[in-house]
Amino acid sequence: MALSMDEVKDLDLKAKYSEILSAHQINNEISEVIVKIPEDLIGEHMASICEYVTVNFKGGERGPKELFLKRQIPTQDSEQSVKFAHEMWVEGTFLTKFVLQLVELCEKKLGFVNFFLFVLISEEKLH
């Protein structure tokens, strides 16, 4: 007898969470995995999705395990957005930390007050 798509998905979820839980020494057999996406978090994340996961176990030896899962959405748009956001963070860090430290160094060691800022402004006017 062939399995339905829901049954295949259910088996995949059970196998996935069984592997995760066994890595944390929870080896009870899983009876059911329930995944819910909280409505108040839909659309709040650029490249990830939040899910509430309830894992129920067979036999009643152990109560249900409640998990909060934040997983990445592997799409080309989200990868580009994350890359762009990271590049902007790196550039912002450069401008707020390195440039200010360089200005202080120029003033302290070389005696050039606002020299570095003058060079930046002059370069900007050239382009």
Protein backbone atom coordinates (compact mmCIF):
# COMPACT_ATOMS: atom_id res chain seq x y z
CA MET A 1 0.00 0.00 0.00
CA ALA A 2 1.40 3.39 -0.99
CA LEU A 3 1.76 6.13 1.59
CA SER A 4 0.04 9.48 1.18
CA MET A 5 2.10 12.69 1.04
CA ASP A 6 0.98 13.54 4.60
CA GLU A 7 2.13 10.12 5.86
CA VAL A 8 5.51 10.52 4.14
CA LYS A 9 5.89 14.00 5.63
CA ASP A 10 4.95 12.64 9.06
CA LEU A 11 7.58 9.88 8.79
CA ASP A 12 10.20 12.45 7.71
CA LEU A 13 9.37 14.68 10.68
CA LYS A 14 9.49 11.76 13.10
CA ALA A 15 12.88 10.66 11.75
CA LYS A 16 14.24 14.21 11.85
CA TYR A 17 13.17 14.91 15.44
CA SER A 18 14.10 11.42 16.59
CA GLU A 19 17.66 12.09 15.41
CA ILE A 20 17.74 15.53 17.06
CA LEU A 21 16.35 14.26 20.37
CA SER A 22 18.59 11.17 20.46
CA ALA A 23 21.60 13.49 20.16
CA HIS A 24 20.37 14.90 23.50
CA GLN A 25 19.91 11.44 25.09
CA ILE A 26 16.14 11.35 24.56
CA ASN A 27 15.59 7.98 22.91
CA ASN A 28 11.85 7.43 23.43
CA GLU A 29 9.82 6.42 20.38
CA ILE A 30 7.92 9.32 18.84
CA SER A 31 4.19 8.94 18.21
CA GLU A 32 3.44 12.35 16.74
CA VAL A 33 5.14 15.60 15.67
CA ILE A 34 3.01 18.74 15.48
CA VAL A 35 4.46 21.83 13.77
CA LYS A 36 2.73 25.20 14.09
CA ILE A 37 3.81 28.55 12.69
CA PRO A 38 2.78 31.25 15.17
CA GLU A 39 0.56 33.78 13.42
CA ASP A 40 2.07 36.71 15.31
CA LEU A 41 5.50 35.91 13.83
CA ILE A 42 4.50 35.42 10.19
CA GLY A 43 6.32 37.88 7.98
CA GLU A 44 8.54 39.20 10.78
CA HIS A 45 11.76 37.60 9.58
CA MET A 46 13.71 38.28 6.40
CA ALA A 47 15.42 34.94 5.85
CA SER A 48 14.02 32.62 8.50
CA ILE A 49 10.79 31.23 9.84
CA CYS A 50 9.79 30.45 13.43
CA GLU A 51 7.90 27.30 14.33
CA TYR A 52 6.52 25.76 17.51
CA VAL A 53 7.10 22.01 17.52
CA THR A 54 5.40 19.56 19.89
CA VAL A 55 6.83 16.06 19.99
CA ASN A 56 4.58 13.44 21.59
CA PHE A 57 6.03 10.09 22.64
CA LYS A 58 4.54 6.59 22.57
CA GLY A 59 3.69 4.76 25.78
CA GLY A 60 3.21 7.77 28.02
CA GLU A 61 6.59 7.31 29.76
CA ARG A 62 7.58 10.85 28.91
CA GLY A 63 5.45 13.94 28.52
CA PRO A 64 5.45 15.94 25.30
CA LYS A 65 8.55 17.93 24.37
CA GLU A 66 7.91 21.54 23.33
CA LEU A 67 10.48 23.08 20.97
CA PHE A 68 10.89 26.52 19.43
CA LEU A 69 12.53 26.25 16.02
CA LYS A 70 13.96 29.08 13.97
CA ARG A 71 15.04 27.80 10.59
CA GLN A 72 16.50 29.41 7.52
CA ILE A 73 14.44 29.70 4.36
CA PRO A 74 16.75 28.63 1.53
CA THR A 75 15.69 30.89 -1.33
CA GLN A 76 17.86 32.88 -3.68
CA ASP A 77 16.18 36.16 -2.68
CA SER A 78 16.71 35.56 1.02
CA GLU A 79 20.34 34.56 0.46
CA GLN A 80 20.94 37.79 -1.45
CA SER A 81 19.16 39.80 1.24
CA VAL A 82 21.21 38.20 4.01
CA LYS A 83 24.43 38.74 2.05
CA PHE A 84 23.53 42.40 1.45
CA ALA A 85 22.61 42.90 5.13
CA HIS A 86 25.93 41.33 6.18
CA GLU A 87 27.87 43.55 3.77
CA MET A 88 26.09 46.62 5.14
CA TRP A 89 26.90 45.50 8.70
CA VAL A 90 30.58 45.05 7.79
CA GLU A 91 30.68 48.46 6.10
CA GLY A 92 28.92 50.08 9.05
CA THR A 93 31.35 48.47 11.46
CA PHE A 94 34.25 49.70 9.34
CA LEU A 95 32.95 53.25 9.29
CA THR A 96 32.00 53.42 12.96
CA LYS A 97 35.08 51.71 14.40
CA PHE A 98 38.05 51.65 12.06
CA VAL A 99 37.70 55.12 10.53
CA LEU A 100 37.23 56.75 13.94
CA GLN A 101 40.26 54.92 15.29
CA LEU A 102 42.26 55.99 12.24
CA VAL A 103 41.26 59.64 12.77
CA GLU A 104 42.36 59.40 16.40
CA LEU A 105 45.66 57.82 15.35
CA CYS A 106 46.30 60.57 12.77
CA GLU A 107 45.60 63.24 15.36
CA LYS A 108 47.56 61.58 18.16
CA LYS A 109 50.64 60.22 16.36
CA LEU A 110 50.95 62.48 13.33
CA GLY A 111 49.35 65.69 14.54
CA PHE A 112 46.97 65.83 11.58
CA VAL A 113 43.73 67.24 12.97
CA ASN A 114 40.79 66.26 10.73
CA PHE A 115 43.28 65.31 7.97
CA PHE A 116 41.73 61.92 7.33
CA LEU A 117 38.22 63.38 7.13
CA PHE A 118 39.49 66.00 4.66
CA VAL A 119 40.96 63.25 2.48
CA LEU A 120 37.66 61.33 2.54
CA ILE A 121 35.67 64.41 1.57
CA SER A 122 38.15 65.30 -1.17
CA GLU A 123 37.98 61.77 -2.60
CA GLU A 124 34.21 61.97 -2.57
CA LYS A 125 34.26 65.17 -4.62
CA LEU A 126 36.50 63.55 -7.23
CA HIS A 127 33.90 60.89 -8.08
